[in-house]
Amino acid sequence: MESNMLTKVLACKIHRATVTAANAEYEGSITISKELVDSAGMKPYQSVLVADVTNGARFETYVIVSDEPGQIVLNGAAARLGSVGDKVIVMAFAYMSDEEYNTHRPRVVLVDAKNRPVRA
């Protein structure tokens, strides 16, 4: 029996990046350097799930792109859920048909201590 349902799967992630700043007064979102966004295949304003490895917090927000290399900034309410120096995983998801799912492999970007991609 063929299914018409779509499955939500991990599309891409930035793994264990270091939070470089937090700005509770900003409207909201997570600011990520263009290099990391492009390496992961994320898009500006795309919804992402952020997991703070340091404190266990998980929250959903959206991507704002920065031209500043290595930048990972928690903005708005998210700034209250993490701190500078925390390690975070930023994950984007996609809905896929069974056919798409069967050939999909998520793009994983590992970073160095300065949030530069070391493998994409």
Protein backbone atom coordinates (compact mmCIF):
# COMPACT_ATOMS: atom_id res chain seq x y z
CA MET A 1 0.00 0.00 0.00
CA GLU A 2 1.43 3.38 -1.03
CA SER A 3 1.26 6.25 1.43
CA ASN A 4 0.63 9.89 0.55
CA MET A 5 1.84 11.03 3.96
CA LEU A 6 4.92 13.16 4.37
CA THR A 7 7.49 12.41 7.05
CA LYS A 8 9.30 15.15 8.96
CA VAL A 9 13.03 14.40 8.89
CA LEU A 10 16.29 16.13 9.70
CA ALA A 11 17.37 18.08 6.62
CA CYS A 12 20.59 19.58 7.99
CA LYS A 13 22.33 20.62 11.17
CA ILE A 14 25.21 22.61 12.58
CA HIS A 15 26.69 20.40 15.28
CA ARG A 16 28.13 21.71 18.56
CA ALA A 17 28.70 25.34 17.60
CA THR A 18 29.67 27.73 20.40
CA VAL A 19 27.36 30.60 21.34
CA THR A 20 29.34 33.82 20.81
CA ALA A 21 26.77 36.35 22.10
CA ALA A 22 23.27 36.72 23.53
CA ASN A 23 20.99 39.71 23.02
CA ALA A 24 17.73 39.54 24.99
CA GLU A 25 16.61 42.94 23.64
CA TYR A 26 16.55 41.79 20.00
CA GLU A 27 13.15 40.80 18.56
CA GLY A 28 14.01 37.11 18.38
CA SER A 29 15.84 34.45 16.39
CA ILE A 30 19.32 32.97 16.20
CA THR A 31 21.97 34.83 14.23
CA ILE A 32 24.35 32.49 12.38
CA SER A 33 27.33 33.34 10.17
CA LYS A 34 26.70 33.13 6.42
CA GLU A 35 29.48 30.57 6.06
CA LEU A 36 27.73 28.15 8.43
CA VAL A 37 24.26 28.78 7.00
CA ASP A 38 25.54 28.12 3.47
CA SER A 39 27.56 25.06 4.53
CA ALA A 40 24.52 23.50 6.18
CA GLY A 41 22.16 24.41 3.36
CA MET A 42 19.92 26.46 5.64
CA LYS A 43 17.96 29.51 4.50
CA PRO A 44 17.38 32.94 6.05
CA TYR A 45 14.21 32.97 8.19
CA GLN A 46 14.02 29.17 8.10
CA SER A 47 12.57 27.58 11.22
CA VAL A 48 15.17 25.71 13.30
CA LEU A 49 15.24 23.70 16.50
CA VAL A 50 18.15 24.62 18.77
CA ALA A 51 19.41 22.17 21.39
CA ASP A 52 21.73 23.65 24.01
CA VAL A 53 24.11 20.80 24.81
CA THR A 54 25.47 22.64 27.84
CA ASN A 55 22.21 23.14 29.74
CA GLY A 56 19.69 20.86 27.99
CA ALA A 57 17.35 23.62 26.79
CA ARG A 58 15.58 23.11 23.45
CA PHE A 59 13.75 25.86 21.58
CA GLU A 60 12.42 26.69 18.15
CA THR A 61 13.30 29.94 16.41
CA TYR A 62 14.37 31.14 12.96
CA VAL A 63 17.66 31.91 11.21
CA ILE A 64 19.05 35.41 10.71
CA VAL A 65 22.23 35.49 8.60
CA SER A 66 25.32 37.44 9.64
CA ASP A 67 28.34 38.37 7.56
CA GLU A 68 30.53 38.09 10.67
CA PRO A 69 32.48 34.80 10.57
CA GLY A 70 31.85 32.33 13.38
CA GLN A 71 28.90 34.19 14.82
CA ILE A 72 26.21 32.30 16.78
CA VAL A 73 23.97 34.74 18.66
CA LEU A 74 20.91 33.87 20.72
CA ASN A 75 18.40 36.70 20.38
CA GLY A 76 15.21 37.69 22.19
CA ALA A 77 13.70 35.04 24.46
CA ALA A 78 16.30 32.51 23.26
CA ALA A 79 18.99 34.63 24.94
CA ARG A 80 17.45 33.57 28.27
CA LEU A 81 17.82 29.87 27.38
CA GLY A 82 21.56 29.80 26.75
CA SER A 83 24.78 31.62 27.54
CA VAL A 84 27.93 32.70 25.76
CA GLY A 85 30.22 29.67 25.54
CA ASP A 86 27.40 27.10 25.46
CA LYS A 87 27.56 24.40 22.81
CA VAL A 88 24.46 24.21 20.60
CA ILE A 89 23.11 22.03 17.82
CA VAL A 90 21.03 23.91 15.24
CA MET A 91 18.69 21.61 13.29
CA ALA A 92 16.43 22.24 10.29
CA PHE A 93 13.79 19.76 9.20
CA ALA A 94 11.94 19.02 5.97
CA TYR A 95 8.81 17.11 5.03
CA MET A 96 9.48 14.34 2.53
CA SER A 97 7.60 11.72 0.60
CA ASP A 98 8.64 8.09 1.07
CA GLU A 99 10.50 8.30 -2.24
CA GLU A 100 12.48 11.38 -1.14
CA TYR A 101 13.10 9.91 2.30
CA ASN A 102 14.57 6.70 0.88
CA THR A 103 17.46 8.58 -0.76
CA HIS A 104 17.87 11.47 1.71
CA ARG A 105 20.97 11.95 3.85
CA PRO A 106 21.03 14.95 6.19
CA ARG A 107 23.83 17.47 5.75
CA VAL A 108 25.86 17.70 8.97
CA VAL A 109 28.30 20.54 9.54
CA LEU A 110 30.90 20.04 12.25
CA VAL A 111 32.70 23.12 13.51
CA ASP A 112 36.03 23.98 15.14
CA ALA A 113 36.54 26.11 18.26
CA LYS A 114 35.93 29.29 16.23
CA ASN A 115 32.71 28.01 14.62
CA ARG A 116 34.36 27.42 11.25
CA PRO A 117 33.09 24.41 9.32
CA VAL A 118 35.50 21.49 9.41
CA ARG A 119 33.28 19.08 7.49
CA ALA A 120 30.10 19.66 5.54
